[in-house]
Amino acid sequence: MEKLGERIRKRREHLDITINTLAKSTGISPSMLSQMEHGKAFPSLHTIKHIADFLNTSVGELIGENDTLSANRAIEWNDRKFVKKNSYGASLYLLAEHRPQQTMEVFMLEMEPGATSNDLIEDKRNGQEYCFVIEGSITVSLSDREYILSERASMCFFSHDFKQFKNNTSDKSYLLWNIASIK
């Protein structure tokens, strides 16, 4: 909440509006507004909306919605996000932060020997996909045929053609999987 107050103060100062003017115009006492700007008081959403309107900005801007979107945060390997494990021996990890209106998702698929990717992701996707075998060997089953990809091999395909990935080895296999949706 400190950041919220900081954003309110910066926006107010940028517009050359005094704390008293903003307080009076939004029905807040100057001391309460000062506490908000210093992260010592937490305004209601209703109050944030009034402040945003008066400062000619959005609630999203004040709460920092775009901070997350513009900070292309690197994801360290140990910070990858676990998404799902299926009953066929495959685990799915998200390798990039998901953002609103994003059209691409990047996953790493960890597959036990004989594992398949069934039930990991919704079948009805409209887009293009790319996979890269990091380690091991993977069979890519598409609607027209199967392709065996060895370590460091890759391929692109349309989402509607995809059926499954399968680990062909007696060891774990790892696959980078990029799904780009068409809106």
Protein backbone atom coordinates (compact mmCIF):
# COMPACT_ATOMS: atom_id res chain seq x y z
CA MET A 1 0.00 0.00 0.00
CA GLU A 2 3.00 2.30 0.38
CA LYS A 3 3.36 2.28 -3.40
CA LEU A 4 -0.28 3.30 -3.81
CA GLY A 5 0.25 6.34 -1.61
CA GLU A 6 3.48 7.16 -3.42
CA ARG A 7 1.71 7.00 -6.78
CA ILE A 8 -1.09 9.26 -5.51
CA ARG A 9 1.44 11.79 -4.20
CA LYS A 10 3.54 11.74 -7.40
CA ARG A 11 0.48 12.15 -9.62
CA ARG A 12 -0.88 14.97 -7.41
CA GLU A 13 2.47 16.78 -7.44
CA HIS A 14 2.87 16.23 -11.19
CA LEU A 15 -0.47 18.00 -11.72
CA ASP A 16 0.56 20.70 -9.22
CA ILE A 17 -2.43 19.98 -6.96
CA THR A 18 -2.10 20.64 -3.24
CA ILE A 19 -2.97 18.01 -0.70
CA ASN A 20 -5.74 20.30 0.61
CA THR A 21 -7.29 20.68 -2.86
CA LEU A 22 -7.28 16.92 -3.49
CA ALA A 23 -8.63 16.20 -0.02
CA LYS A 24 -11.48 18.71 -0.34
CA SER A 25 -12.37 17.56 -3.86
CA THR A 26 -12.58 13.90 -2.87
CA GLY A 27 -14.21 14.30 0.54
CA ILE A 28 -11.18 13.12 2.52
CA SER A 29 -9.51 15.04 5.31
CA PRO A 30 -6.02 16.37 4.49
CA SER A 31 -4.54 14.37 7.38
CA MET A 32 -6.14 11.15 6.11
CA LEU A 33 -4.82 11.82 2.60
CA SER A 34 -1.37 12.48 4.04
CA GLN A 35 -1.53 9.16 5.91
CA MET A 36 -2.52 7.42 2.65
CA GLU A 37 0.35 9.02 0.76
CA HIS A 38 2.77 7.81 3.46
CA GLY A 39 1.38 4.26 3.50
CA LYS A 40 -0.12 4.57 6.99
CA ALA A 41 -3.79 4.45 5.97
CA PHE A 42 -5.46 2.21 3.45
CA PRO A 43 -8.23 3.74 1.32
CA SER A 44 -11.29 1.87 0.15
CA LEU A 45 -11.70 1.09 -3.53
CA HIS A 46 -14.45 3.72 -3.61
CA THR A 47 -12.00 6.35 -2.30
CA ILE A 48 -9.27 5.26 -4.73
CA LYS A 49 -11.78 5.67 -7.58
CA HIS A 50 -12.61 9.24 -6.47
CA ILE A 51 -8.92 10.10 -6.22
CA ALA A 52 -8.19 8.56 -9.63
CA ASP A 53 -11.05 10.49 -11.24
CA PHE A 54 -9.89 13.79 -9.79
CA LEU A 55 -6.27 13.12 -10.78
CA ASN A 56 -7.42 12.21 -14.30
CA THR A 57 -5.95 8.72 -14.14
CA SER A 58 -7.23 5.19 -13.57
CA VAL A 59 -7.48 3.01 -10.50
CA GLY A 60 -5.18 0.58 -12.33
CA GLU A 61 -2.49 3.24 -12.64
CA LEU A 62 -2.74 4.12 -8.95
CA ILE A 63 -2.59 0.53 -7.74
CA GLY A 64 0.33 -0.25 -10.04
CA GLU A 65 -1.31 -2.50 -12.59
CA ASN A 66 1.09 -1.35 -15.31
CA ASP A 67 4.17 -1.70 -13.09
CA THR A 68 3.85 -5.46 -13.31
CA LEU A 69 3.18 -5.34 -17.04
CA SER A 70 6.18 -3.21 -17.87
CA ALA A 71 8.66 -4.94 -15.58
CA ASN A 72 9.85 -7.80 -17.78
CA ARG A 73 11.00 -9.77 -14.78
CA ALA A 74 13.45 -12.54 -15.45
CA ILE A 75 12.42 -15.90 -14.03
CA GLU A 76 15.25 -17.87 -12.45
CA TRP A 77 15.15 -21.64 -12.97
CA ASN A 78 14.32 -22.28 -9.31
CA ASP A 79 11.50 -19.69 -9.48
CA ARG A 80 9.60 -21.40 -12.29
CA LYS A 81 5.95 -21.86 -11.40
CA PHE A 82 4.48 -25.34 -11.05
CA VAL A 83 1.21 -25.48 -13.00
CA LYS A 84 -0.03 -29.04 -13.00
CA LYS A 85 0.92 -32.70 -12.81
CA ASN A 86 -1.15 -35.27 -14.64
CA SER A 87 -1.71 -38.94 -13.82
CA TYR A 88 0.43 -39.96 -16.82
CA GLY A 89 3.77 -38.86 -15.30
CA ALA A 90 4.17 -35.35 -16.72
CA SER A 91 4.60 -32.06 -14.83
CA LEU A 92 4.04 -28.65 -16.38
CA TYR A 93 5.92 -25.50 -15.28
CA LEU A 94 5.34 -21.91 -16.38
CA LEU A 95 8.62 -20.23 -17.42
CA ALA A 96 7.34 -16.68 -17.92
CA GLU A 97 4.97 -14.51 -15.95
CA HIS A 98 1.46 -14.48 -17.29
CA ARG A 99 0.06 -11.03 -18.00
CA PRO A 100 -3.37 -9.80 -19.06
CA GLN A 101 -3.83 -9.73 -22.83
CA GLN A 102 -0.73 -11.88 -23.32
CA THR A 103 -0.97 -14.12 -26.36
CA MET A 104 2.00 -16.38 -25.64
CA GLU A 105 2.75 -18.82 -22.84
CA VAL A 106 6.09 -20.54 -22.29
CA PHE A 107 6.19 -23.85 -20.43
CA MET A 108 8.68 -26.53 -19.51
CA LEU A 109 7.35 -30.06 -19.53
CA GLU A 110 9.10 -32.59 -17.28
CA MET A 111 8.21 -36.12 -18.33
CA GLU A 112 8.89 -39.39 -16.52
CA PRO A 113 9.74 -42.44 -18.69
CA GLY A 114 6.70 -43.29 -20.82
CA ALA A 115 4.79 -40.17 -19.68
CA THR A 116 2.34 -38.34 -21.92
CA SER A 117 1.10 -34.75 -21.87
CA ASN A 118 -2.59 -35.75 -21.77
CA ASP A 119 -4.84 -33.59 -19.54
CA LEU A 120 -2.23 -30.88 -18.90
CA ILE A 121 -3.68 -28.10 -21.05
CA GLU A 122 -7.11 -27.45 -22.51
CA ASP A 123 -7.49 -29.17 -25.88
CA LYS A 124 -9.36 -26.35 -27.62
CA ARG A 125 -6.60 -23.88 -28.42
CA ASN A 126 -6.37 -21.69 -31.49
CA GLY A 127 -2.81 -20.76 -32.33
CA GLN A 128 0.65 -21.98 -33.13
CA GLU A 129 2.98 -23.95 -30.93
CA TYR A 130 6.70 -24.54 -30.77
CA CYS A 131 8.49 -27.26 -28.88
CA PHE A 132 12.19 -27.85 -28.21
CA VAL A 133 13.53 -31.02 -26.60
CA ILE A 134 15.93 -29.91 -23.89
CA GLU A 135 16.85 -33.42 -22.82
CA GLY A 136 15.73 -36.90 -23.86
CA SER A 137 13.50 -37.83 -26.77
CA ILE A 138 9.85 -36.95 -27.34
CA THR A 139 7.21 -38.22 -29.74
CA VAL A 140 4.98 -35.41 -30.95
CA SER A 141 1.60 -36.75 -32.06
CA LEU A 142 -0.24 -34.51 -34.50
CA SER A 143 -3.44 -35.19 -36.41
CA ASP A 144 -1.57 -36.30 -39.54
CA ARG A 145 1.28 -38.37 -38.01
CA GLU A 146 3.85 -38.78 -35.26
CA TYR A 147 7.29 -37.14 -35.17
CA ILE A 148 10.17 -38.33 -33.01
CA LEU A 149 12.28 -35.45 -31.77
CA SER A 150 15.67 -36.19 -30.28
CA GLU A 151 17.52 -33.99 -27.82
CA ARG A 152 17.87 -30.38 -29.08
CA ALA A 153 15.40 -30.94 -31.92
CA SER A 154 12.41 -28.65 -32.35
CA MET A 155 9.29 -28.12 -34.42
CA CYS A 156 6.33 -25.81 -34.95
CA PHE A 157 2.72 -26.86 -35.49
CA PHE A 158 -0.83 -25.53 -35.30
CA SER A 159 -2.59 -26.03 -31.98
CA HIS A 160 -5.61 -27.70 -33.57
CA ASP A 161 -3.31 -30.46 -34.96
CA PHE A 162 -1.73 -31.31 -31.60
CA LYS A 163 -2.66 -34.55 -29.83
CA GLN A 164 0.09 -35.25 -27.29
CA PHE A 165 3.77 -35.45 -26.33
CA LYS A 166 5.21 -38.75 -25.15
CA ASN A 167 8.55 -39.50 -23.53
CA ASN A 168 10.31 -42.27 -25.50
CA THR A 169 13.21 -42.84 -23.13
CA SER A 170 13.87 -44.78 -19.94
CA ASP A 171 14.98 -41.49 -18.31
CA LYS A 172 13.22 -38.20 -17.70
CA SER A 173 12.78 -35.95 -20.71
CA TYR A 174 12.41 -32.17 -20.67
CA LEU A 175 10.62 -30.12 -23.28
CA LEU A 176 10.31 -26.37 -23.82
CA TRP A 177 6.75 -25.69 -25.01
CA ASN A 178 5.66 -22.31 -26.36
CA ILE A 179 1.98 -21.72 -27.12
CA ALA A 180 1.06 -18.57 -29.06
CA SER A 181 -2.69 -17.97 -29.20
CA ILE A 182 -4.44 -16.35 -32.11
CA LYS A 183 -7.18 -14.06 -30.83
